[in-house]
Each structure stands twice: as structure tokens, then as C-alpha cells.
Amino acid sequence: MSTISPIIPYADPRAAIDFLCDAFGFERHAVHEGPDGELGHVELRLGDAVLMPAPQRHGEPGHACCYVAVEDADAHHDRARAAGAEITMQLRDTDYGSRDYAAKDPEGNTWYFGTYRPLA
């Protein structure tokens, strides 16, 4: 069995971790620092999904795009908006049975959240 865990580079990964947890509901699973205090390995969880925010040495920040399946898109949208996420696509019902919306994080990455579960 294979799993995909995106590594998303951030100019300020500590601020990104706080935002992703506050706005999008991720939970800190593992946060490891190197001897110099720089973040080395980070895992955030949302249900079964694992995301690894990283310092920008792993790539240029602000160009990622992810889809995350959630149980309640309306509640998730309201939480994200209340935490200051920039909503780039309002809640909508799709012709393939999903209810979803899109938002950007403070560094410009695009996040889609919806009820559609690929391969389910």
C-alpha cells in the first residue's frame, strides 16, 4: 500500500503550522527541530491525511495546490473564514456529488476542501 504525504515549503513554517491548525483543523503530530533550532521534520494530521510543512529550502513557497476530503464542508469553511483564511471559491455543490470550497493560506498555497472522497 502506498500513501502520499505532501511536503509544502513555507518561508515561515512555524507561522504556517499555526495557521494550518487554527484555520484548517490540522493537528500537530510530530514537530522536530535541528540543533540550530530550525524545523527539521514536521507532520500535521487531518483525519488520515498527513501533511509535512517544511522550510523553503525544500522549494519555493506559495505554489502548492491540495485537495482535502472533509466530513462537513460547511463547518470547515466557517472555521477557515473565522480564522482569517482567504476564501477563493465559495461553497458550492458539484455535479459529481461534492460540496466544496477553496481557500489560500497566508503564503499563497491553494487548498480545496470538500466532501468528495477520491477512490472511495
PDB file of N, CA and C in Angstrom:
ATOM      1  N   MET A   1       0.838  -1.179   0.000  1.00  0.00           N
ATOM      2  CA  MET A   1       0.000   0.000   0.000  1.00  0.00           C
ATOM      3  C   MET A   1       0.881   1.239   0.000  1.00  0.00           C
ATOM      4  N   SER A   2       0.510   2.222  -0.769  1.00  0.00           N
ATOM      5  CA  SER A   2       1.255   3.481  -0.838  1.00  0.00           C
ATOM      6  C   SER A   2       0.403   4.613  -0.292  1.00  0.00           C
ATOM      7  N   THR A   3       1.071   5.592   0.258  1.00  0.00           N
ATOM      8  CA  THR A   3       0.391   6.810   0.694  1.00  0.00           C
ATOM      9  C   THR A   3       1.166   8.005   0.167  1.00  0.00           C
ATOM     10  N   ILE A   4       0.471   9.106   0.000  1.00  0.00           N
ATOM     11  CA  ILE A   4       1.107  10.350  -0.429  1.00  0.00           C
ATOM     12  C   ILE A   4       1.007  11.339   0.717  1.00  0.00           C
ATOM     13  N   SER A   5       2.138  11.921   1.089  1.00  0.00           N
ATOM     14  CA  SER A   5       2.181  12.941   2.131  1.00  0.00           C
ATOM     15  C   SER A   5       2.908  14.148   1.560  1.00  0.00           C
ATOM     16  N   PRO A   6       2.173  15.166   1.143  1.00  0.00           N
ATOM     17  CA  PRO A   6       2.813  16.319   0.512  1.00  0.00           C
ATOM     18  C   PRO A   6       3.763  17.047   1.451  1.00  0.00           C
ATOM     19  N   ILE A   7       4.886  17.459   0.892  1.00  0.00           N
ATOM     20  CA  ILE A   7       5.814  18.362   1.572  1.00  0.00           C
ATOM     21  C   ILE A   7       5.579  19.726   0.942  1.00  0.00           C
ATOM     22  N   ILE A   8       5.149  20.689   1.743  1.00  0.00           N
ATOM     23  CA  ILE A   8       4.860  22.022   1.221  1.00  0.00           C
ATOM     24  C   ILE A   8       5.825  23.010   1.860  1.00  0.00           C
ATOM     25  N   PRO A   9       6.651  23.679   1.033  1.00  0.00           N
ATOM     26  CA  PRO A   9       7.609  24.639   1.574  1.00  0.00           C
ATOM     27  C   PRO A   9       6.943  25.955   1.983  1.00  0.00           C
ATOM     28  N   TYR A  10       7.423  26.509   3.084  1.00  0.00           N
ATOM     29  CA  TYR A  10       6.940  27.786   3.604  1.00  0.00           C
ATOM     30  C   TYR A  10       8.125  28.665   3.980  1.00  0.00           C
ATOM     31  N   ALA A  11       8.019  29.955   3.718  1.00  0.00           N
ATOM     32  CA  ALA A  11       9.041  30.910   4.153  1.00  0.00           C
ATOM     33  C   ALA A  11       9.059  30.986   5.680  1.00  0.00           C
ATOM     34  N   ASP A  12       7.890  30.887   6.292  1.00  0.00           N
ATOM     35  CA  ASP A  12       7.769  30.900   7.752  1.00  0.00           C
ATOM     36  C   ASP A  12       6.973  29.662   8.179  1.00  0.00           C
ATOM     37  N   PRO A  13       7.654  28.512   8.272  1.00  0.00           N
ATOM     38  CA  PRO A  13       6.922  27.280   8.573  1.00  0.00           C
ATOM     39  C   PRO A  13       6.247  27.271   9.941  1.00  0.00           C
ATOM     40  N   ARG A  14       6.806  27.959  10.912  1.00  0.00           N
ATOM     41  CA  ARG A  14       6.165  27.984  12.236  1.00  0.00           C
ATOM     42  C   ARG A  14       4.811  28.700  12.166  1.00  0.00           C
ATOM     43  N   ALA A  15       4.776  29.834  11.478  1.00  0.00           N
ATOM     44  CA  ALA A  15       3.505  30.554  11.308  1.00  0.00           C
ATOM     45  C   ALA A  15       2.532  29.717  10.485  1.00  0.00           C
ATOM     46  N   ALA A  16       3.050  29.005   9.485  1.00  0.00           N
ATOM     47  CA  ALA A  16       2.197  28.154   8.650  1.00  0.00           C
ATOM     48  C   ALA A  16       1.567  27.042   9.482  1.00  0.00           C
ATOM     49  N   ILE A  17       2.342  26.435  10.360  1.00  0.00           N
ATOM     50  CA  ILE A  17       1.817  25.371  11.222  1.00  0.00           C
ATOM     51  C   ILE A  17       0.666  25.910  12.066  1.00  0.00           C
ATOM     52  N   ASP A  18       0.871  27.075  12.674  1.00  0.00           N
ATOM     53  CA  ASP A  18      -0.191  27.676  13.491  1.00  0.00           C
ATOM     54  C   ASP A  18      -1.439  27.928  12.654  1.00  0.00           C
ATOM     55  N   PHE A  19      -1.263  28.500  11.458  1.00  0.00           N
ATOM     56  CA  PHE A  19      -2.400  28.800  10.592  1.00  0.00           C
ATOM     57  C   PHE A  19      -3.117  27.526  10.163  1.00  0.00           C
ATOM     58  N   LEU A  20      -2.365  26.535   9.713  1.00  0.00           N
ATOM     59  CA  LEU A  20      -2.975  25.291   9.237  1.00  0.00           C
ATOM     60  C   LEU A  20      -3.775  24.602  10.340  1.00  0.00           C
ATOM     61  N   CYS A  21      -3.294  24.689  11.568  1.00  0.00           N
ATOM     62  CA  CYS A  21      -4.019  24.094  12.696  1.00  0.00           C
ATOM     63  C   CYS A  21      -5.246  24.931  13.063  1.00  0.00           C
ATOM     64  N   ASP A  22      -5.080  26.246  13.151  1.00  0.00           N
ATOM     65  CA  ASP A  22      -6.187  27.115  13.554  1.00  0.00           C
ATOM     66  C   ASP A  22      -7.281  27.194  12.494  1.00  0.00           C
ATOM     67  N   ALA A  23      -6.893  27.408  11.243  1.00  0.00           N
ATOM     68  CA  ALA A  23      -7.871  27.652  10.180  1.00  0.00           C
ATOM     69  C   ALA A  23      -8.418  26.377   9.562  1.00  0.00           C
ATOM     70  N   PHE A  24      -7.557  25.404   9.324  1.00  0.00           N
ATOM     71  CA  PHE A  24      -7.965  24.232   8.557  1.00  0.00           C
ATOM     72  C   PHE A  24      -8.138  22.974   9.402  1.00  0.00           C
ATOM     73  N   GLY A  25      -7.828  23.059  10.703  1.00  0.00           N
ATOM     74  CA  GLY A  25      -8.094  21.936  11.593  1.00  0.00           C
ATOM     75  C   GLY A  25      -7.035  20.856  11.655  1.00  0.00           C
ATOM     76  N   PHE A  26      -5.860  21.103  11.066  1.00  0.00           N
ATOM     77  CA  PHE A  26      -4.786  20.120  11.190  1.00  0.00           C
ATOM     78  C   PHE A  26      -4.356  20.036  12.651  1.00  0.00           C
ATOM     79  N   GLU A  27      -3.774  18.915  13.031  1.00  0.00           N
ATOM     80  CA  GLU A  27      -3.245  18.721  14.381  1.00  0.00           C
ATOM     81  C   GLU A  27      -1.772  18.385  14.294  1.00  0.00           C
ATOM     82  N   ARG A  28      -1.001  18.939  15.231  1.00  0.00           N
ATOM     83  CA  ARG A  28       0.426  18.635  15.284  1.00  0.00           C
ATOM     84  C   ARG A  28       0.595  17.170  15.681  1.00  0.00           C
ATOM     85  N   HIS A  29       1.305  16.430  14.847  1.00  0.00           N
ATOM     86  CA  HIS A  29       1.573  15.024  15.147  1.00  0.00           C
ATOM     87  C   HIS A  29       3.038  14.850  15.541  1.00  0.00           C
ATOM     88  N   ALA A  30       3.935  15.500  14.807  1.00  0.00           N
ATOM     89  CA  ALA A  30       5.373  15.439  15.106  1.00  0.00           C
ATOM     90  C   ALA A  30       6.001  16.759  14.681  1.00  0.00           C
ATOM     91  N   VAL A  31       6.762  17.353  15.576  1.00  0.00           N
ATOM     92  CA  VAL A  31       7.497  18.582  15.266  1.00  0.00           C
ATOM     93  C   VAL A  31       8.898  18.409  15.837  1.00  0.00           C
ATOM     94  N   HIS A  32       9.877  18.275  14.945  1.00  0.00           N
ATOM     95  CA  HIS A  32      11.260  18.053  15.372  1.00  0.00           C
ATOM     96  C   HIS A  32      12.132  19.208  14.903  1.00  0.00           C
ATOM     97  N   GLU A  33      12.970  19.688  15.815  1.00  0.00           N
ATOM     98  CA  GLU A  33      13.899  20.766  15.495  1.00  0.00           C
ATOM     99  C   GLU A  33      15.309  20.215  15.400  1.00  0.00           C
ATOM    100  N   GLY A  34      16.099  20.841  14.543  1.00  0.00           N
ATOM    101  CA  GLY A  34      17.511  20.517  14.456  1.00  0.00           C
ATOM    102  C   GLY A  34      18.270  21.202  15.576  1.00  0.00           C
ATOM    103  N   PRO A  35      19.577  20.934  15.692  1.00  0.00           N
ATOM    104  CA  PRO A  35      20.378  21.537  16.757  1.00  0.00           C
ATOM    105  C   PRO A  35      20.420  23.058  16.683  1.00  0.00           C
ATOM    106  N   ASP A  36      20.197  23.606  15.480  1.00  0.00           N
ATOM    107  CA  ASP A  36      20.217  25.061  15.312  1.00  0.00           C
ATOM    108  C   ASP A  36      18.856  25.694  15.593  1.00  0.00           C
ATOM    109  N   GLY A  37      17.857  24.881  15.989  1.00  0.00           N
ATOM    110  CA  GLY A  37      16.525  25.385  16.272  1.00  0.00           C
ATOM    111  C   GLY A  37      15.618  25.453  15.056  1.00  0.00           C
ATOM    112  N   GLU A  38      16.166  25.172  13.867  1.00  0.00           N
ATOM    113  CA  GLU A  38      15.342  25.177  12.656  1.00  0.00           C
ATOM    114  C   GLU A  38      14.490  23.916  12.622  1.00  0.00           C
ATOM    115  N   LEU A  39      13.292  24.066  12.090  1.00  0.00           N
ATOM    116  CA  LEU A  39      12.428  22.895  11.966  1.00  0.00           C
ATOM    117  C   LEU A  39      13.060  21.893  11.024  1.00  0.00           C
ATOM    118  N   GLY A  40      13.089  20.642  11.464  1.00  0.00           N
ATOM    119  CA  GLY A  40      13.668  19.595  10.639  1.00  0.00           C
ATOM    120  C   GLY A  40      12.607  18.732   9.995  1.00  0.00           C
ATOM    121  N   HIS A  41      11.725  18.178  10.808  1.00  0.00           N
ATOM    122  CA  HIS A  41      10.673  17.293  10.292  1.00  0.00           C
ATOM    123  C   HIS A  41       9.378  17.621  11.018  1.00  0.00           C
ATOM    124  N   VAL A  42       8.331  17.863  10.242  1.00  0.00           N
ATOM    125  CA  VAL A  42       7.028  18.201  10.812  1.00  0.00           C
ATOM    126  C   VAL A  42       5.965  17.344  10.137  1.00  0.00           C
ATOM    127  N   GLU A  43       5.058  16.803  10.929  1.00  0.00           N
ATOM    128  CA  GLU A  43       3.896  16.091  10.405  1.00  0.00           C
ATOM    129  C   GLU A  43       2.650  16.675  11.043  1.00  0.00           C
ATOM    130  N   LEU A  44       1.729  17.113  10.206  1.00  0.00           N
ATOM    131  CA  LEU A  44       0.421  17.559  10.659  1.00  0.00           C
ATOM    132  C   LEU A  44      -0.603  16.559  10.148  1.00  0.00           C
ATOM    133  N   ARG A  45      -1.608  16.269  10.963  1.00  0.00           N
ATOM    134  CA  ARG A  45      -2.636  15.295  10.576  1.00  0.00           C
ATOM    135  C   ARG A  45      -4.000  15.968  10.509  1.00  0.00           C
ATOM    136  N   LEU A  46      -4.785  15.491   9.574  1.00  0.00           N
ATOM    137  CA  LEU A  46      -6.202  15.834   9.486  1.00  0.00           C
ATOM    138  C   LEU A  46      -6.903  14.543   9.096  1.00  0.00           C
ATOM    139  N   GLY A  47      -7.498  13.875  10.081  1.00  0.00           N
ATOM    140  CA  GLY A  47      -8.037  12.542   9.832  1.00  0.00           C
ATOM    141  C   GLY A  47      -6.896  11.603   9.485  1.00  0.00           C
ATOM    142  N   ASP A  48      -6.996  10.925   8.350  1.00  0.00           N
ATOM    143  CA  ASP A  48      -5.944  10.012   7.904  1.00  0.00           C
ATOM    144  C   ASP A  48      -4.869  10.702   7.072  1.00  0.00           C
ATOM    145  N   ALA A  49      -5.084  11.959   6.735  1.00  0.00           N
ATOM    146  CA  ALA A  49      -4.139  12.686   5.875  1.00  0.00           C
ATOM    147  C   ALA A  49      -2.960  13.212   6.691  1.00  0.00           C
ATOM    148  N   VAL A  50      -1.779  13.173   6.079  1.00  0.00           N
ATOM    149  CA  VAL A  50      -0.565  13.711   6.700  1.00  0.00           C
ATOM    150  C   VAL A  50       0.036  14.737   5.756  1.00  0.00           C
ATOM    151  N   LEU A  51       0.357  15.889   6.295  1.00  0.00           N
ATOM    152  CA  LEU A  51       0.984  16.984   5.563  1.00  0.00           C
ATOM    153  C   LEU A  51       2.299  17.307   6.251  1.00  0.00           C
ATOM    154  N   MET A  52       3.331  17.607   5.466  1.00  0.00           N
ATOM    155  CA  MET A  52       4.630  17.944   6.039  1.00  0.00           C
ATOM    156  C   MET A  52       5.043  19.347   5.600  1.00  0.00           C
ATOM    157  N   PRO A  53       4.665  20.392   6.375  1.00  0.00           N
ATOM    158  CA  PRO A  53       5.157  21.728   6.069  1.00  0.00           C
ATOM    159  C   PRO A  53       6.658  21.773   6.328  1.00  0.00           C
ATOM    160  N   ALA A  54       7.381  22.501   5.486  1.00  0.00           N
ATOM    161  CA  ALA A  54       8.843  22.475   5.566  1.00  0.00           C
ATOM    162  C   ALA A  54       9.417  23.864   5.315  1.00  0.00           C
ATOM    163  N   PRO A  55      10.656  24.084   5.773  1.00  0.00           N
ATOM    164  CA  PRO A  55      11.334  25.338   5.432  1.00  0.00           C
ATOM    165  C   PRO A  55      11.493  25.462   3.920  1.00  0.00           C
ATOM    166  N   GLN A  56      11.636  26.673   3.437  1.00  0.00           N
ATOM    167  CA  GLN A  56      11.641  26.897   1.993  1.00  0.00           C
ATOM    168  C   GLN A  56      12.843  26.305   1.277  1.00  0.00           C
ATOM    169  N   ARG A  57      13.811  25.761   1.968  1.00  0.00           N
ATOM    170  CA  ARG A  57      14.929  25.113   1.277  1.00  0.00           C
ATOM    171  C   ARG A  57      14.439  23.906   0.456  1.00  0.00           C
ATOM    172  N   HIS A  58      13.202  23.461   0.729  1.00  0.00           N
ATOM    173  CA  HIS A  58      12.618  22.328   0.003  1.00  0.00           C
ATOM    174  C   HIS A  58      11.894  22.762  -1.267  1.00  0.00           C
ATOM    175  N   GLY A  59      11.913  24.044  -1.571  1.00  0.00           N
ATOM    176  CA  GLY A  59      11.249  24.552  -2.768  1.00  0.00           C
ATOM    177  C   GLY A  59      10.740  25.957  -2.533  1.00  0.00           C
ATOM    178  N   GLU A  60      10.177  26.539  -3.575  1.00  0.00           N
ATOM    179  CA  GLU A  60       9.668  27.901  -3.474  1.00  0.00           C
ATOM    180  C   GLU A  60       8.261  27.894  -2.878  1.00  0.00           C
ATOM    181  N   PRO A  61       8.039  28.687  -1.828  1.00  0.00           N
ATOM    182  CA  PRO A  61       6.720  28.724  -1.197  1.00  0.00           C
ATOM    183  C   PRO A  61       5.649  29.337  -2.106  1.00  0.00           C
ATOM    184  N   GLY A  62       4.413  28.964  -1.832  1.00  0.00           N
ATOM    185  CA  GLY A  62       3.278  29.622  -2.451  1.00  0.00           C
ATOM    186  C   GLY A  62       2.770  29.032  -3.742  1.00  0.00           C
ATOM    187  N   HIS A  63       3.234  27.846  -4.133  1.00  0.00           N
ATOM    188  CA  HIS A  63       2.826  27.276  -5.415  1.00  0.00           C
ATOM    189  C   HIS A  63       2.117  25.928  -5.291  1.00  0.00           C
ATOM    190  N   ALA A  64       1.831  25.492  -4.084  1.00  0.00           N
ATOM    191  CA  ALA A  64       1.179  24.191  -3.902  1.00  0.00           C
ATOM    192  C   ALA A  64      -0.335  24.316  -4.044  1.00  0.00           C
ATOM    193  N   CYS A  65      -0.947  23.212  -4.406  1.00  0.00           N
ATOM    194  CA  CYS A  65      -2.400  23.127  -4.501  1.00  0.00           C
ATOM    195  C   CYS A  65      -2.794  21.735  -4.013  1.00  0.00           C
ATOM    196  N   CYS A  66      -3.644  21.667  -2.994  1.00  0.00           N
ATOM    197  CA  CYS A  66      -4.031  20.387  -2.406  1.00  0.00           C
ATOM    198  C   CYS A  66      -5.542  20.288  -2.286  1.00  0.00           C
ATOM    199  N   TYR A  67      -6.052  19.065  -2.388  1.00  0.00           N
ATOM    200  CA  TYR A  67      -7.454  18.780  -2.102  1.00  0.00           C
ATOM    201  C   TYR A  67      -7.496  17.912  -0.853  1.00  0.00           C
ATOM    202  N   VAL A  68      -8.382  18.264   0.079  1.00  0.00           N
ATOM    203  CA  VAL A  68      -8.538  17.510   1.313  1.00  0.00           C
ATOM    204  C   VAL A  68     -10.018  17.187   1.495  1.00  0.00           C
ATOM    205  N   ALA A  69     -10.332  15.907   1.654  1.00  0.00           N
ATOM    206  CA  ALA A  69     -11.711  15.492   1.908  1.00  0.00           C
ATOM    207  C   ALA A  69     -12.036  15.705   3.381  1.00  0.00           C
ATOM    208  N   VAL A  70     -13.182  16.321   3.636  1.00  0.00           N
ATOM    209  CA  VAL A  70     -13.637  16.590   4.999  1.00  0.00           C
ATOM    210  C   VAL A  70     -15.070  16.091   5.154  1.00  0.00           C
ATOM    211  N   GLU A  71     -15.481  15.861   6.383  1.00  0.00           N
ATOM    212  CA  GLU A  71     -16.835  15.364   6.649  1.00  0.00           C
ATOM    213  C   GLU A  71     -17.894  16.437   6.414  1.00  0.00           C
ATOM    214  N   ASP A  72     -17.623  17.661   6.864  1.00  0.00           N
ATOM    215  CA  ASP A  72     -18.619  18.738   6.823  1.00  0.00           C
ATOM    216  C   ASP A  72     -17.977  19.978   6.210  1.00  0.00           C
ATOM    217  N   ALA A  73     -18.175  20.168   4.924  1.00  0.00           N
ATOM    218  CA  ALA A  73     -17.540  21.290   4.223  1.00  0.00           C
ATOM    219  C   ALA A  73     -18.034  22.637   4.748  1.00  0.00           C
ATOM    220  N   ASP A  74     -19.303  22.725   5.120  1.00  0.00           N
ATOM    221  CA  ASP A  74     -19.837  23.994   5.623  1.00  0.00           C
ATOM    222  C   ASP A  74     -19.160  24.403   6.928  1.00  0.00           C
ATOM    223  N   ALA A  75     -19.054  23.480   7.868  1.00  0.00           N
ATOM    224  CA  ALA A  75     -18.409  23.780   9.146  1.00  0.00           C
ATOM    225  C   ALA A  75     -16.930  24.086   8.938  1.00  0.00           C
ATOM    226  N   HIS A  76     -16.286  23.343   8.046  1.00  0.00           N
ATOM    227  CA  HIS A  76     -14.871  23.569   7.773  1.00  0.00           C
ATOM    228  C   HIS A  76     -14.673  24.958   7.171  1.00  0.00           C
ATOM    229  N   HIS A  77     -15.507  25.326   6.223  1.00  0.00           N
ATOM    230  CA  HIS A  77     -15.469  26.648   5.594  1.00  0.00           C
ATOM    231  C   HIS A  77     -15.628  27.749   6.646  1.00  0.00           C
ATOM    232  N   ASP A  78     -16.603  27.592   7.532  1.00  0.00           N
ATOM    233  CA  ASP A  78     -16.850  28.607   8.549  1.00  0.00           C
ATOM    234  C   ASP A  78     -15.654  28.757   9.482  1.00  0.00           C
ATOM    235  N   ARG A  79     -15.022  27.646   9.846  1.00  0.00           N
ATOM    236  CA  ARG A  79     -13.833  27.696  10.701  1.00  0.00           C
ATOM    237  C   ARG A  79     -12.702  28.425   9.989  1.00  0.00           C
ATOM    238  N   ALA A  80     -12.460  28.075   8.728  1.00  0.00           N
ATOM    239  CA  ALA A  80     -11.382  28.703   7.962  1.00  0.00           C
ATOM    240  C   ALA A  80     -11.612  30.207   7.829  1.00  0.00           C
ATOM    241  N   ARG A  81     -12.823  30.602   7.487  1.00  0.00           N
ATOM    242  CA  ARG A  81     -13.143  32.027   7.342  1.00  0.00           C
ATOM    243  C   ARG A  81     -12.934  32.762   8.665  1.00  0.00           C
ATOM    244  N   ALA A  82     -13.405  32.184   9.768  1.00  0.00           N
ATOM    245  CA  ALA A  82     -13.274  32.815  11.081  1.00  0.00           C
ATOM    246  C   ALA A  82     -11.813  32.985  11.481  1.00  0.00           C
ATOM    247  N   ALA A  83     -10.943  32.083  11.010  1.00  0.00           N
ATOM    248  CA  ALA A  83      -9.514  32.155  11.337  1.00  0.00           C
ATOM    249  C   ALA A  83      -8.749  33.058  10.371  1.00  0.00           C
ATOM    250  N   GLY A  84      -9.445  33.658   9.407  1.00  0.00           N
ATOM    251  CA  GLY A  84      -8.797  34.611   8.513  1.00  0.00           C
ATOM    252  C   GLY A  84      -8.324  34.057   7.189  1.00  0.00           C
ATOM    253  N   ALA A  85      -8.714  32.835   6.847  1.00  0.00           N
ATOM    254  CA  ALA A  85      -8.313  32.287   5.547  1.00  0.00           C
ATOM    255  C   ALA A  85      -8.985  33.084   4.430  1.00  0.00           C
ATOM    256  N   GLU A  86      -8.264  33.291   3.348  1.00  0.00           N
ATOM    257  CA  GLU A  86      -8.819  33.958   2.172  1.00  0.00           C
ATOM    258  C   GLU A  86      -9.618  32.927   1.378  1.00  0.00           C
ATOM    259  N   ILE A  87     -10.916  33.071   1.357  1.00  0.00           N
ATOM    260  CA  ILE A  87     -11.779  32.145   0.616  1.00  0.00           C
ATOM    261  C   ILE A  87     -11.740  32.552  -0.855  1.00  0.00           C
ATOM    262  N   THR A  88     -11.265  31.660  -1.707  1.00  0.00           N
ATOM    263  CA  THR A  88     -11.118  31.981  -3.131  1.00  0.00           C
ATOM    264  C   THR A  88     -12.219  31.370  -3.987  1.00  0.00           C
ATOM    265  N   MET A  89     -12.940  30.407  -3.447  1.00  0.00           N
ATOM    266  CA  MET A  89     -14.102  29.837  -4.120  1.00  0.00           C
ATOM    267  C   MET A  89     -15.138  29.542  -3.042  1.00  0.00           C
ATOM    268  N   GLN A  90     -16.292  30.149  -3.170  1.00  0.00           N
ATOM    269  CA  GLN A  90     -17.345  29.974  -2.176  1.00  0.00           C
ATOM    270  C   GLN A  90     -17.859  28.533  -2.189  1.00  0.00           C
ATOM    271  N   LEU A  91     -18.485  28.149  -1.105  1.00  0.00           N
ATOM    272  CA  LEU A  91     -19.099  26.822  -1.016  1.00  0.00           C
ATOM    273  C   LEU A  91     -20.012  26.585  -2.208  1.00  0.00           C
ATOM    274  N   ARG A  92     -19.939  25.371  -2.739  1.00  0.00           N
ATOM    275  CA  ARG A  92     -20.781  25.028  -3.886  1.00  0.00           C
ATOM    276  C   ARG A  92     -21.044  23.532  -3.879  1.00  0.00           C
ATOM    277  N   ASP A  93     -22.099  23.162  -4.554  1.00  0.00           N
ATOM    278  CA  ASP A  93     -22.412  21.755  -4.777  1.00  0.00           C
ATOM    279  C   ASP A  93     -22.001  21.426  -6.203  1.00  0.00           C
ATOM    280  N   THR A  94     -21.258  20.339  -6.375  1.00  0.00           N
ATOM    281  CA  THR A  94     -20.756  19.974  -7.695  1.00  0.00           C
ATOM    282  C   THR A  94     -21.648  18.930  -8.351  1.00  0.00           C
ATOM    283  N   ASP A  95     -21.462  18.742  -9.659  1.00  0.00           N
ATOM    284  CA  ASP A  95     -22.239  17.736 -10.379  1.00  0.00           C
ATOM    285  C   ASP A  95     -21.760  16.315 -10.092  1.00  0.00           C
ATOM    286  N   TYR A  96     -20.628  16.163  -9.391  1.00  0.00           N
ATOM    287  CA  TYR A  96     -20.142  14.828  -9.036  1.00  0.00           C
ATOM    288  C   TYR A  96     -20.388  14.503  -7.563  1.00  0.00           C
ATOM    289  N   GLY A  97     -21.252  15.302  -6.909  1.00  0.00           N
ATOM    290  CA  GLY A  97     -21.712  14.958  -5.572  1.00  0.00           C
ATOM    291  C   GLY A  97     -20.933  15.528  -4.414  1.00  0.00           C
ATOM    292  N   SER A  98     -20.011  16.433  -4.665  1.00  0.00           N
ATOM    293  CA  SER A  98     -19.235  17.020  -3.580  1.00  0.00           C
ATOM    294  C   SER A  98     -19.814  18.376  -3.189  1.00  0.00           C
ATOM    295  N   ARG A  99     -19.589  18.739  -1.963  1.00  0.00           N
ATOM    296  CA  ARG A  99     -19.815  20.112  -1.505  1.00  0.00           C
ATOM    297  C   ARG A  99     -18.436  20.605  -1.148  1.00  0.00           C
ATOM    298  N   ASP A 100     -17.984  21.671  -1.784  1.00  0.00           N
ATOM    299  CA  ASP A 100     -16.606  22.092  -1.553  1.00  0.00           C
ATOM    300  C   ASP A 100     -16.414  23.595  -1.664  1.00  0.00           C
ATOM    301  N   TYR A 101     -15.206  24.018  -1.275  1.00  0.00           N
ATOM    302  CA  TYR A 101     -14.793  25.418  -1.359  1.00  0.00           C
ATOM    303  C   TYR A 101     -13.280  25.440  -1.475  1.00  0.00           C
ATOM    304  N   ALA A 102     -12.732  26.615  -1.751  1.00  0.00           N
ATOM    305  CA  ALA A 102     -11.277  26.765  -1.839  1.00  0.00           C
ATOM    306  C   ALA A 102     -10.839  27.973  -1.020  1.00  0.00           C
ATOM    307  N   ALA A 103      -9.604  27.874  -0.506  1.00  0.00           N
ATOM    308  CA  ALA A 103      -9.026  28.958   0.286  1.00  0.00           C
ATOM    309  C   ALA A 103      -7.528  29.004   0.038  1.00  0.00           C
ATOM    310  N   LYS A 104      -6.936  30.153   0.334  1.00  0.00           N
ATOM    311  CA  LYS A 104      -5.481  30.290   0.266  1.00  0.00           C
ATOM    312  C   LYS A 104      -4.943  30.447   1.674  1.00  0.00           C
ATOM    313  N   ASP A 105      -3.751  29.900   1.891  1.00  0.00           N
ATOM    314  CA  ASP A 105      -3.077  30.142   3.158  1.00  0.00           C
ATOM    315  C   ASP A 105      -2.287  31.450   3.030  1.00  0.00           C
ATOM    316  N   PRO A 106      -1.699  31.956   4.119  1.00  0.00           N
ATOM    317  CA  PRO A 106      -1.023  33.254   4.055  1.00  0.00           C
ATOM    318  C   PRO A 106       0.152  33.328   3.076  1.00  0.00           C
ATOM    319  N   GLU A 107       0.701  32.186   2.660  1.00  0.00           N
ATOM    320  CA  GLU A 107       1.820  32.215   1.714  1.00  0.00           C
ATOM    321  C   GLU A 107       1.382  31.928   0.283  1.00  0.00           C
ATOM    322  N   GLY A 108       0.073  31.837   0.049  1.00  0.00           N
ATOM    323  CA  GLY A 108      -0.435  31.737  -1.311  1.00  0.00           C
ATOM    324  C   GLY A 108      -0.732  30.349  -1.832  1.00  0.00           C
ATOM    325  N   ASN A 109      -0.551  29.314  -1.018  1.00  0.00           N
ATOM    326  CA  ASN A 109      -0.916  27.961  -1.450  1.00  0.00           C
ATOM    327  C   ASN A 109      -2.436  27.839  -1.499  1.00  0.00           C
ATOM    328  N   THR A 110      -2.933  27.114  -2.472  1.00  0.00           N
ATOM    329  CA  THR A 110      -4.375  26.942  -2.635  1.00  0.00           C
ATOM    330  C   THR A 110      -4.810  25.610  -2.042  1.00  0.00           C
ATOM    331  N   TRP A 111      -5.862  25.648  -1.271  1.00  0.00           N
ATOM    332  CA  TRP A 111      -6.412  24.481  -0.598  1.00  0.00           C
ATOM    333  C   TRP A 111      -7.867  24.311  -0.997  1.00  0.00           C
ATOM    334  N   TYR A 112      -8.210  23.135  -1.475  1.00  0.00           N
ATOM    335  CA  TYR A 112      -9.595  22.781  -1.761  1.00  0.00           C
ATOM    336  C   TYR A 112     -10.048  21.808  -0.685  1.00  0.00           C
ATOM    337  N   PHE A 113     -11.212  22.049  -0.128  1.00  0.00           N
ATOM    338  CA  PHE A 113     -11.795  21.164   0.875  1.00  0.00           C
ATOM    339  C   PHE A 113     -13.185  20.783   0.405  1.00  0.00           C
ATOM    340  N   GLY A 114     -13.496  19.498   0.476  1.00  0.00           N
ATOM    341  CA  GLY A 114     -14.812  19.066   0.028  1.00  0.00           C
ATOM    342  C   GLY A 114     -15.184  17.708   0.575  1.00  0.00           C
ATOM    343  N   THR A 115     -16.402  17.319   0.296  1.00  0.00           N
ATOM    344  CA  THR A 115     -16.916  16.051   0.809  1.00  0.00           C
ATOM    345  C   THR A 115     -16.655  14.878  -0.127  1.00  0.00           C
ATOM    346  N   TYR A 116     -16.218  15.153  -1.352  1.00  0.00           N
ATOM    347  CA  TYR A 116     -15.897  14.077  -2.288  1.00  0.00           C
ATOM    348  C   TYR A 116     -14.643  13.354  -1.825  1.00  0.00           C
ATOM    349  N   ARG A 117     -14.682  12.030  -1.818  1.00  0.00           N
ATOM    350  CA  ARG A 117     -13.524  11.221  -1.429  1.00  0.00           C
ATOM    351  C   ARG A 117     -13.055  10.427  -2.635  1.00  0.00           C
ATOM    352  N   PRO A 118     -11.928  10.826  -3.227  1.00  0.00           N
ATOM    353  CA  PRO A 118     -11.400  10.075  -4.368  1.00  0.00           C
ATOM    354  C   PRO A 118     -11.173   8.607  -3.996  1.00  0.00           C
ATOM    355  N   LEU A 119     -11.478   7.739  -4.893  1.00  0.00           N
ATOM    356  CA  LEU A 119     -11.283   6.293  -4.737  1.00  0.00           C
ATOM    357  C   LEU A 119     -12.115   5.672  -3.632  1.00  0.00           C
ATOM    358  N   ALA A 120     -13.099   6.395  -3.124  1.00  0.00           N
ATOM    359  CA  ALA A 120     -13.932   5.830  -2.043  1.00  0.00           C
ATOM    360  C   ALA A 120     -15.044   4.981  -2.624  1.00  0.00           C
TER     361      ALA A 120
END
